[in-house]
Amino acid sequence: MASIVMRVRLTSGDHTDVTFTDDGARNEAEAIEAAVTALSSESGVLRCSHGDREIVLFARGVTSIEVAPRGAIL
Protein backbone atom coordinates (compact mmCIF):
# COMPACT_ATOMS: atom_id res chain seq x y z
CA MET A 1 0.00 0.00 0.00
CA ALA A 2 1.34 3.41 -0.97
CA SER A 3 0.04 6.93 -0.35
CA ILE A 4 0.82 10.13 -2.20
CA VAL A 5 -0.19 13.74 -1.59
CA MET A 6 -1.34 15.63 -4.68
CA ARG A 7 -2.21 19.23 -5.43
CA VAL A 8 -5.12 19.07 -7.87
CA ARG A 9 -5.96 22.04 -10.08
CA LEU A 10 -9.61 22.06 -11.11
CA THR A 11 -11.15 23.40 -14.31
CA SER A 12 -12.51 26.35 -12.30
CA GLY A 13 -8.93 27.42 -11.56
CA ASP A 14 -9.16 26.50 -7.87
CA HIS A 15 -6.86 23.91 -6.35
CA THR A 16 -7.04 21.50 -3.45
CA ASP A 17 -4.55 19.18 -1.77
CA VAL A 18 -5.63 15.55 -1.35
CA THR A 19 -4.17 12.22 -0.30
CA PHE A 20 -4.50 9.22 -2.60
CA THR A 21 -3.89 5.73 -1.22
CA ASP A 22 -3.53 2.74 -3.54
CA ASP A 23 -3.80 -0.62 -1.79
CA GLY A 24 -2.27 -2.43 -4.77
CA ALA A 25 0.78 -0.19 -5.16
CA ARG A 26 4.12 -1.26 -3.71
CA ASN A 27 5.68 2.20 -3.86
CA GLU A 28 4.90 5.86 -4.60
CA ALA A 29 5.77 5.53 -8.30
CA GLU A 30 3.08 2.88 -8.75
CA ALA A 31 0.55 5.03 -6.86
CA ILE A 32 1.34 8.00 -9.11
CA GLU A 33 0.90 5.83 -12.19
CA ALA A 34 -2.47 4.55 -10.90
CA ALA A 35 -3.68 8.12 -10.28
CA VAL A 36 -2.56 9.33 -13.71
CA THR A 37 -4.13 6.31 -15.41
CA ALA A 38 -7.44 6.83 -13.61
CA LEU A 39 -7.57 10.54 -14.50
CA SER A 40 -6.41 10.12 -18.10
CA SER A 41 -9.78 8.93 -19.32
CA GLU A 42 -12.77 11.24 -19.53
CA SER A 43 -14.91 8.90 -17.42
CA GLY A 44 -12.17 8.27 -14.82
CA VAL A 45 -12.70 8.77 -11.10
CA LEU A 46 -10.27 8.75 -8.19
CA ARG A 47 -11.12 8.34 -4.50
CA CYS A 48 -8.99 10.55 -2.27
CA SER A 49 -9.15 12.13 1.15
CA HIS A 50 -8.83 15.68 2.41
CA GLY A 51 -8.31 15.61 6.16
CA ASP A 52 -11.09 13.40 7.49
CA ARG A 53 -13.28 13.82 4.37
CA GLU A 54 -13.44 11.41 1.46
CA ILE A 55 -13.25 13.15 -1.91
CA VAL A 56 -14.09 11.71 -5.31
CA LEU A 57 -12.30 13.43 -8.19
CA PHE A 58 -13.87 13.19 -11.61
CA ALA A 59 -11.39 13.36 -14.49
CA ARG A 60 -13.46 15.88 -16.43
CA GLY A 61 -13.02 18.41 -13.59
CA VAL A 62 -9.24 18.08 -13.21
CA THR A 63 -6.79 20.06 -15.33
CA SER A 64 -3.51 19.07 -13.63
CA ILE A 65 -1.97 17.35 -10.63
CA GLU A 66 1.29 17.92 -8.77
CA VAL A 67 2.72 15.26 -6.49
CA ALA A 68 4.41 16.12 -3.16
CA PRO A 69 7.00 17.22 -2.23
CA ARG A 70 7.02 19.63 -5.17
CA GLY A 71 3.65 21.28 -4.65
CA ALA A 72 1.03 19.71 -2.47
CA ILE A 73 1.01 20.31 1.27
CA LEU A 74 -1.57 18.97 3.71
C-alpha atoms as a PDB file:
ATOM      1  CA  MET A   1       0.000   0.000   0.000  1.00  0.00           C
ATOM      2  CA  ALA A   2       1.338   3.410  -0.966  1.00  0.00           C
ATOM      3  CA  SER A   3       0.037   6.930  -0.354  1.00  0.00           C
ATOM      4  CA  ILE A   4       0.817  10.130  -2.197  1.00  0.00           C
ATOM      5  CA  VAL A   5      -0.194  13.741  -1.595  1.00  0.00           C
ATOM      6  CA  MET A   6      -1.338  15.633  -4.675  1.00  0.00           C
ATOM      7  CA  ARG A   7      -2.210  19.229  -5.432  1.00  0.00           C
ATOM      8  CA  VAL A   8      -5.118  19.073  -7.869  1.00  0.00           C
ATOM      9  CA  ARG A   9      -5.962  22.043 -10.083  1.00  0.00           C
ATOM     10  CA  LEU A  10      -9.610  22.063 -11.109  1.00  0.00           C
ATOM     11  CA  THR A  11     -11.153  23.397 -14.312  1.00  0.00           C
ATOM     12  CA  SER A  12     -12.510  26.349 -12.304  1.00  0.00           C
ATOM     13  CA  GLY A  13      -8.929  27.423 -11.558  1.00  0.00           C
ATOM     14  CA  ASP A  14      -9.163  26.497  -7.874  1.00  0.00           C
ATOM     15  CA  HIS A  15      -6.861  23.912  -6.354  1.00  0.00           C
ATOM     16  CA  THR A  16      -7.039  21.498  -3.450  1.00  0.00           C
ATOM     17  CA  ASP A  17      -4.548  19.175  -1.767  1.00  0.00           C
ATOM     18  CA  VAL A  18      -5.626  15.552  -1.355  1.00  0.00           C
ATOM     19  CA  THR A  19      -4.168  12.216  -0.301  1.00  0.00           C
ATOM     20  CA  PHE A  20      -4.503   9.222  -2.603  1.00  0.00           C
ATOM     21  CA  THR A  21      -3.888   5.726  -1.222  1.00  0.00           C
ATOM     22  CA  ASP A  22      -3.527   2.744  -3.539  1.00  0.00           C
ATOM     23  CA  ASP A  23      -3.798  -0.618  -1.795  1.00  0.00           C
ATOM     24  CA  GLY A  24      -2.274  -2.432  -4.772  1.00  0.00           C
ATOM     25  CA  ALA A  25       0.776  -0.191  -5.155  1.00  0.00           C
ATOM     26  CA  ARG A  26       4.118  -1.261  -3.708  1.00  0.00           C
ATOM     27  CA  ASN A  27       5.680   2.203  -3.862  1.00  0.00           C
ATOM     28  CA  GLU A  28       4.904   5.859  -4.603  1.00  0.00           C
ATOM     29  CA  ALA A  29       5.767   5.525  -8.295  1.00  0.00           C
ATOM     30  CA  GLU A  30       3.078   2.877  -8.755  1.00  0.00           C
ATOM     31  CA  ALA A  31       0.551   5.025  -6.858  1.00  0.00           C
ATOM     32  CA  ILE A  32       1.345   7.999  -9.112  1.00  0.00           C
ATOM     33  CA  GLU A  33       0.896   5.826 -12.186  1.00  0.00           C
ATOM     34  CA  ALA A  34      -2.469   4.547 -10.899  1.00  0.00           C
ATOM     35  CA  ALA A  35      -3.683   8.116 -10.282  1.00  0.00           C
ATOM     36  CA  VAL A  36      -2.565   9.332 -13.714  1.00  0.00           C
ATOM     37  CA  THR A  37      -4.125   6.307 -15.405  1.00  0.00           C
ATOM     38  CA  ALA A  38      -7.439   6.833 -13.612  1.00  0.00           C
ATOM     39  CA  LEU A  39      -7.565  10.535 -14.496  1.00  0.00           C
ATOM     40  CA  SER A  40      -6.406  10.121 -18.102  1.00  0.00           C
ATOM     41  CA  SER A  41      -9.784   8.929 -19.316  1.00  0.00           C
ATOM     42  CA  GLU A  42     -12.769  11.240 -19.530  1.00  0.00           C
ATOM     43  CA  SER A  43     -14.908   8.899 -17.421  1.00  0.00           C
ATOM     44  CA  GLY A  44     -12.167   8.267 -14.820  1.00  0.00           C
ATOM     45  CA  VAL A  45     -12.704   8.770 -11.100  1.00  0.00           C
ATOM     46  CA  LEU A  46     -10.267   8.755  -8.187  1.00  0.00           C
ATOM     47  CA  ARG A  47     -11.123   8.343  -4.504  1.00  0.00           C
ATOM     48  CA  CYS A  48      -8.991  10.552  -2.274  1.00  0.00           C
ATOM     49  CA  SER A  49      -9.148  12.129   1.152  1.00  0.00           C
ATOM     50  CA  HIS A  50      -8.827  15.678   2.406  1.00  0.00           C
ATOM     51  CA  GLY A  51      -8.310  15.608   6.155  1.00  0.00           C
ATOM     52  CA  ASP A  52     -11.094  13.401   7.489  1.00  0.00           C
ATOM     53  CA  ARG A  53     -13.276  13.816   4.369  1.00  0.00           C
ATOM     54  CA  GLU A  54     -13.439  11.413   1.463  1.00  0.00           C
ATOM     55  CA  ILE A  55     -13.254  13.151  -1.913  1.00  0.00           C
ATOM     56  CA  VAL A  56     -14.089  11.710  -5.314  1.00  0.00           C
ATOM     57  CA  LEU A  57     -12.298  13.434  -8.192  1.00  0.00           C
ATOM     58  CA  PHE A  58     -13.866  13.186 -11.613  1.00  0.00           C
ATOM     59  CA  ALA A  59     -11.389  13.359 -14.489  1.00  0.00           C
ATOM     60  CA  ARG A  60     -13.465  15.879 -16.432  1.00  0.00           C
ATOM     61  CA  GLY A  61     -13.024  18.413 -13.594  1.00  0.00           C
ATOM     62  CA  VAL A  62      -9.241  18.082 -13.210  1.00  0.00           C
ATOM     63  CA  THR A  63      -6.790  20.059 -15.328  1.00  0.00           C
ATOM     64  CA  SER A  64      -3.511  19.073 -13.626  1.00  0.00           C
ATOM     65  CA  ILE A  65      -1.971  17.354 -10.629  1.00  0.00           C
ATOM     66  CA  GLU A  66       1.291  17.916  -8.768  1.00  0.00           C
ATOM     67  CA  VAL A  67       2.718  15.259  -6.488  1.00  0.00           C
ATOM     68  CA  ALA A  68       4.410  16.125  -3.161  1.00  0.00           C
ATOM     69  CA  PRO A  69       6.996  17.224  -2.230  1.00  0.00           C
ATOM     70  CA  ARG A  70       7.021  19.627  -5.174  1.00  0.00           C
ATOM     71  CA  GLY A  71       3.647  21.280  -4.652  1.00  0.00           C
ATOM     72  CA  ALA A  72       1.026  19.707  -2.467  1.00  0.00           C
ATOM     73  CA  ILE A  73       1.010  20.310   1.275  1.00  0.00           C
ATOM     74  CA  LEU A  74      -1.569  18.974   3.710  1.00  0.00           C
END
